[in-house]
């Protein structure tokens, strides 16, 4: 799993989980919070100019090419839409290759 760094000690990563994606915020090496989303919903989120994803502890707000990540109502970092898309593509390709071999 690849990660994107946020202000220390936080980072953002995602991994394939069954037929869904699991978005994870790490505090150092420990998982702090996660949320599962379908690939379809994640792609739809990325395609919109402005969007909001999730209502629980972990929330994503997209405005243009940036995604603001909030945990428990506090902003913890930002990720570009292109970085999010790149992480998602790599996880989906890895899952595909695992099934093929």
N, C-alpha and C. Protein backbone atom coordinates (compact mmCIF):
# COMPACT_ATOMS: atom_id res chain seq x y z
N UNK A 1 0.85 -1.17 0.00
CA UNK A 1 0.00 0.00 0.00
C UNK A 1 0.89 1.24 0.00
N UNK A 2 0.56 2.15 -0.90
CA UNK A 2 1.26 3.43 -0.93
C UNK A 2 0.49 4.44 -0.10
N UNK A 3 1.21 5.42 0.43
CA UNK A 3 0.60 6.43 1.27
C UNK A 3 0.97 7.82 0.78
N UNK A 4 0.15 8.78 1.15
CA UNK A 4 0.43 10.19 0.92
C UNK A 4 0.61 10.83 2.28
N UNK A 5 1.69 11.57 2.45
CA UNK A 5 1.98 12.19 3.75
C UNK A 5 1.12 13.41 3.99
N UNK A 6 0.68 13.55 5.21
CA UNK A 6 -0.01 14.72 5.72
C UNK A 6 0.94 15.34 6.73
N UNK A 7 0.53 16.43 7.39
CA UNK A 7 1.40 16.95 8.46
C UNK A 7 1.71 15.85 9.48
N UNK A 8 2.98 15.76 9.87
CA UNK A 8 3.43 14.72 10.79
C UNK A 8 2.52 14.62 12.00
N UNK A 9 2.19 13.48 12.47
CA UNK A 9 2.62 12.15 12.07
C UNK A 9 1.59 11.44 11.18
N UNK A 10 0.68 12.18 10.56
CA UNK A 10 -0.43 11.58 9.82
C UNK A 10 -0.09 11.29 8.36
N UNK A 11 -0.76 10.27 7.82
CA UNK A 11 -0.65 9.94 6.40
C UNK A 11 -1.96 9.30 5.95
N UNK A 12 -2.16 9.29 4.64
CA UNK A 12 -3.38 8.77 4.02
C UNK A 12 -3.01 7.63 3.08
N UNK A 13 -3.77 6.56 3.15
CA UNK A 13 -3.55 5.44 2.24
C UNK A 13 -4.87 4.80 1.89
N UNK A 14 -4.84 3.98 0.85
CA UNK A 14 -6.04 3.20 0.54
C UNK A 14 -5.62 1.82 0.09
N UNK A 15 -6.50 0.87 0.33
CA UNK A 15 -6.23 -0.51 -0.06
C UNK A 15 -7.52 -1.16 -0.53
N UNK A 16 -7.37 -2.17 -1.34
CA UNK A 16 -8.50 -2.94 -1.82
C UNK A 16 -9.01 -3.80 -0.67
N UNK A 17 -10.33 -3.84 -0.49
CA UNK A 17 -10.94 -4.64 0.57
C UNK A 17 -12.16 -5.31 -0.03
N UNK A 18 -12.08 -6.60 -0.28
CA UNK A 18 -13.10 -7.34 -1.02
C UNK A 18 -13.32 -6.63 -2.36
N UNK A 19 -14.52 -6.19 -2.63
CA UNK A 19 -14.80 -5.48 -3.88
C UNK A 19 -14.90 -3.98 -3.66
N UNK A 20 -14.36 -3.52 -2.55
CA UNK A 20 -14.45 -2.11 -2.19
C UNK A 20 -13.05 -1.55 -1.97
N UNK A 21 -13.00 -0.28 -1.63
CA UNK A 21 -11.75 0.36 -1.24
C UNK A 21 -11.85 0.76 0.22
N UNK A 22 -10.76 0.64 0.90
CA UNK A 22 -10.69 1.03 2.31
C UNK A 22 -9.76 2.23 2.40
N UNK A 23 -10.31 3.40 2.75
CA UNK A 23 -9.53 4.62 2.89
C UNK A 23 -9.08 4.72 4.34
N UNK A 24 -7.79 4.95 4.55
CA UNK A 24 -7.22 4.86 5.90
C UNK A 24 -6.41 6.11 6.23
N UNK A 25 -6.59 6.63 7.42
CA UNK A 25 -5.73 7.68 7.97
C UNK A 25 -4.86 7.01 9.02
N UNK A 26 -3.54 7.15 8.86
CA UNK A 26 -2.58 6.59 9.80
C UNK A 26 -2.05 7.68 10.71
N UNK A 27 -1.87 7.35 11.97
CA UNK A 27 -1.19 8.21 12.93
C UNK A 27 0.11 7.50 13.24
N UNK A 28 1.18 7.91 12.57
CA UNK A 28 2.44 7.16 12.63
C UNK A 28 2.25 5.86 11.86
N UNK A 29 2.47 4.75 12.53
CA UNK A 29 2.27 3.44 11.90
C UNK A 29 0.93 2.81 12.26
N UNK A 30 0.21 3.45 13.16
CA UNK A 30 -1.08 2.93 13.63
C UNK A 30 -2.23 3.45 12.77
N UNK A 31 -3.20 2.58 12.49
CA UNK A 31 -4.42 3.03 11.82
C UNK A 31 -5.22 3.87 12.81
N UNK A 32 -5.60 5.05 12.39
CA UNK A 32 -6.36 5.95 13.26
C UNK A 32 -7.83 5.86 12.94
N UNK A 33 -8.19 5.95 11.66
CA UNK A 33 -9.58 5.87 11.25
C UNK A 33 -9.62 5.36 9.81
N UNK A 34 -10.70 4.65 9.46
CA UNK A 34 -10.85 4.18 8.09
C UNK A 34 -12.33 4.19 7.71
N UNK A 35 -12.56 4.11 6.42
CA UNK A 35 -13.92 4.03 5.90
C UNK A 35 -13.87 3.25 4.60
N UNK A 36 -14.85 2.39 4.40
CA UNK A 36 -14.93 1.59 3.17
C UNK A 36 -15.90 2.24 2.20
N UNK A 37 -15.54 2.22 0.91
CA UNK A 37 -16.36 2.82 -0.13
C UNK A 37 -16.28 1.94 -1.37
N UNK A 38 -17.35 1.91 -2.14
CA UNK A 38 -17.33 1.15 -3.38
C UNK A 38 -16.45 1.88 -4.40
N UNK A 39 -15.89 1.14 -5.32
CA UNK A 39 -15.07 1.74 -6.37
C UNK A 39 -15.92 2.70 -7.19
N UNK A 40 -17.16 2.31 -7.45
CA UNK A 40 -18.07 3.16 -8.23
C UNK A 40 -18.28 4.51 -7.54
N UNK A 41 -18.53 4.52 -6.24
CA UNK A 41 -18.75 5.76 -5.50
C UNK A 41 -17.48 6.61 -5.45
N UNK A 42 -16.32 5.97 -5.31
CA UNK A 42 -15.06 6.71 -5.28
C UNK A 42 -14.80 7.38 -6.63
N UNK A 43 -15.07 6.67 -7.72
CA UNK A 43 -14.88 7.25 -9.05
C UNK A 43 -15.86 8.39 -9.29
N UNK A 44 -17.10 8.23 -8.87
CA UNK A 44 -18.10 9.29 -9.03
C UNK A 44 -17.68 10.53 -8.24
N UNK A 45 -17.14 10.33 -7.05
CA UNK A 45 -16.65 11.43 -6.22
C UNK A 45 -15.56 12.21 -6.95
N UNK A 46 -14.62 11.49 -7.57
CA UNK A 46 -13.52 12.14 -8.27
C UNK A 46 -13.98 12.89 -9.52
N UNK A 47 -15.04 12.43 -10.15
CA UNK A 47 -15.51 13.05 -11.40
C UNK A 47 -16.23 14.37 -11.17
N UNK A 48 -16.71 14.61 -9.97
CA UNK A 48 -17.45 15.84 -9.68
C UNK A 48 -16.50 16.99 -9.36
N UNK A 49 -16.93 18.20 -9.67
CA UNK A 49 -16.13 19.39 -9.37
C UNK A 49 -16.13 19.68 -7.87
N UNK A 50 -17.29 19.61 -7.24
CA UNK A 50 -17.39 19.74 -5.78
C UNK A 50 -18.23 18.57 -5.28
N UNK A 51 -17.76 17.96 -4.20
CA UNK A 51 -18.47 16.78 -3.67
C UNK A 51 -18.08 16.56 -2.22
N UNK A 52 -18.91 15.81 -1.53
CA UNK A 52 -18.68 15.42 -0.14
C UNK A 52 -18.85 13.91 -0.05
N UNK A 53 -17.94 13.26 0.64
CA UNK A 53 -18.00 11.81 0.76
C UNK A 53 -17.92 11.44 2.24
N UNK A 54 -18.85 10.65 2.69
CA UNK A 54 -18.96 10.10 4.04
C UNK A 54 -19.57 11.10 5.02
N UNK A 55 -20.19 10.54 6.05
CA UNK A 55 -20.82 11.35 7.09
C UNK A 55 -20.31 11.02 8.48
N UNK A 56 -19.42 10.06 8.59
CA UNK A 56 -18.94 9.63 9.90
C UNK A 56 -17.68 10.36 10.35
N UNK A 57 -16.80 9.63 11.03
CA UNK A 57 -15.58 10.22 11.57
C UNK A 57 -14.65 10.72 10.48
N UNK A 58 -14.55 9.97 9.38
CA UNK A 58 -13.70 10.35 8.26
C UNK A 58 -14.57 10.97 7.18
N UNK A 59 -14.22 12.17 6.73
CA UNK A 59 -14.99 12.85 5.69
C UNK A 59 -14.04 13.45 4.66
N UNK A 60 -14.48 13.42 3.40
CA UNK A 60 -13.71 14.01 2.31
C UNK A 60 -14.56 15.07 1.63
N UNK A 61 -13.97 16.24 1.40
CA UNK A 61 -14.63 17.33 0.67
C UNK A 61 -13.77 17.69 -0.52
N UNK A 62 -14.36 17.57 -1.71
CA UNK A 62 -13.63 17.87 -2.94
C UNK A 62 -14.07 19.22 -3.49
N UNK A 63 -13.08 20.04 -3.80
CA UNK A 63 -13.32 21.33 -4.46
C UNK A 63 -12.26 21.47 -5.53
N UNK A 64 -12.70 21.37 -6.78
CA UNK A 64 -11.75 21.43 -7.88
C UNK A 64 -10.81 20.24 -7.85
N UNK A 65 -9.52 20.52 -7.86
CA UNK A 65 -8.54 19.44 -7.90
C UNK A 65 -8.00 19.05 -6.54
N UNK A 66 -8.59 19.57 -5.45
CA UNK A 66 -8.11 19.26 -4.11
C UNK A 66 -9.18 18.57 -3.27
N UNK A 67 -8.74 17.65 -2.43
CA UNK A 67 -9.63 16.94 -1.51
C UNK A 67 -9.17 17.23 -0.09
N UNK A 68 -10.05 17.83 0.68
CA UNK A 68 -9.78 18.12 2.09
C UNK A 68 -10.23 16.91 2.91
N UNK A 69 -9.35 16.41 3.76
CA UNK A 69 -9.64 15.24 4.59
C UNK A 69 -9.85 15.71 6.03
N UNK A 70 -10.99 15.31 6.61
CA UNK A 70 -11.33 15.68 7.98
C UNK A 70 -11.56 14.41 8.80
N UNK A 71 -11.12 14.47 10.05
CA UNK A 71 -11.36 13.38 11.00
C UNK A 71 -12.00 14.00 12.24
N UNK A 72 -13.16 13.49 12.60
CA UNK A 72 -13.91 13.99 13.75
C UNK A 72 -14.13 15.50 13.67
N UNK A 73 -14.37 16.01 12.47
CA UNK A 73 -14.65 17.43 12.28
C UNK A 73 -13.42 18.32 12.20
N UNK A 74 -12.23 17.76 12.33
CA UNK A 74 -10.99 18.55 12.25
C UNK A 74 -10.27 18.24 10.94
N UNK A 75 -9.86 19.29 10.24
CA UNK A 75 -9.10 19.10 9.00
C UNK A 75 -7.72 18.55 9.35
N UNK A 76 -7.36 17.43 8.68
CA UNK A 76 -6.07 16.81 8.98
C UNK A 76 -5.09 16.86 7.81
N UNK A 77 -5.59 17.15 6.60
CA UNK A 77 -4.70 17.20 5.46
C UNK A 77 -5.45 17.36 4.16
N UNK A 78 -4.67 17.52 3.10
CA UNK A 78 -5.23 17.63 1.75
C UNK A 78 -4.49 16.67 0.84
N UNK A 79 -5.22 16.22 -0.16
CA UNK A 79 -4.65 15.37 -1.19
C UNK A 79 -5.20 15.86 -2.52
N UNK A 80 -4.37 15.87 -3.54
CA UNK A 80 -4.86 16.28 -4.85
C UNK A 80 -5.72 15.17 -5.44
N UNK A 81 -6.65 15.55 -6.27
CA UNK A 81 -7.50 14.56 -6.94
C UNK A 81 -6.66 13.60 -7.77
N UNK A 82 -5.60 14.13 -8.38
CA UNK A 82 -4.74 13.27 -9.21
C UNK A 82 -3.99 12.25 -8.36
N UNK A 83 -3.52 12.64 -7.16
CA UNK A 83 -2.85 11.68 -6.28
C UNK A 83 -3.83 10.62 -5.78
N UNK A 84 -5.05 11.04 -5.43
CA UNK A 84 -6.07 10.10 -5.00
C UNK A 84 -6.37 9.10 -6.11
N UNK A 85 -6.53 9.61 -7.32
CA UNK A 85 -6.82 8.76 -8.49
C UNK A 85 -5.66 7.80 -8.74
N UNK A 86 -4.42 8.28 -8.62
CA UNK A 86 -3.24 7.45 -8.82
C UNK A 86 -3.19 6.32 -7.80
N UNK A 87 -3.43 6.64 -6.52
CA UNK A 87 -3.44 5.61 -5.49
C UNK A 87 -4.52 4.56 -5.76
N UNK A 88 -5.70 5.03 -6.16
CA UNK A 88 -6.80 4.13 -6.44
C UNK A 88 -6.46 3.21 -7.63
N UNK A 89 -5.90 3.78 -8.67
CA UNK A 89 -5.54 2.98 -9.85
C UNK A 89 -4.51 1.92 -9.52
N UNK A 90 -3.51 2.28 -8.72
CA UNK A 90 -2.48 1.30 -8.35
C UNK A 90 -3.05 0.16 -7.53
N UNK A 91 -3.96 0.46 -6.62
CA UNK A 91 -4.58 -0.59 -5.82
C UNK A 91 -5.45 -1.50 -6.68
N UNK A 92 -6.19 -0.91 -7.61
CA UNK A 92 -7.06 -1.72 -8.47
C UNK A 92 -6.23 -2.58 -9.42
N UNK A 93 -5.11 -2.05 -9.93
CA UNK A 93 -4.23 -2.84 -10.79
C UNK A 93 -3.59 -3.97 -10.00
N UNK A 94 -3.16 -3.71 -8.78
CA UNK A 94 -2.55 -4.74 -7.95
C UNK A 94 -3.55 -5.86 -7.67
N UNK A 95 -4.79 -5.51 -7.40
CA UNK A 95 -5.83 -6.52 -7.14
C UNK A 95 -6.08 -7.34 -8.40
N UNK A 96 -6.09 -6.69 -9.56
CA UNK A 96 -6.29 -7.40 -10.83
C UNK A 96 -5.16 -8.37 -11.09
N UNK A 97 -3.91 -7.92 -10.89
CA UNK A 97 -2.76 -8.78 -11.13
C UNK A 97 -2.73 -9.96 -10.16
N UNK A 98 -3.15 -9.75 -8.93
CA UNK A 98 -3.20 -10.82 -7.95
C UNK A 98 -4.18 -11.91 -8.38
N UNK A 99 -5.32 -11.50 -8.93
CA UNK A 99 -6.32 -12.48 -9.38
C UNK A 99 -5.84 -13.23 -10.61
N UNK A 100 -5.04 -12.60 -11.46
CA UNK A 100 -4.60 -13.22 -12.72
C UNK A 100 -3.50 -14.25 -12.52
N UNK A 101 -2.72 -14.12 -11.44
CA UNK A 101 -1.58 -15.03 -11.27
C UNK A 101 -1.74 -15.89 -10.07
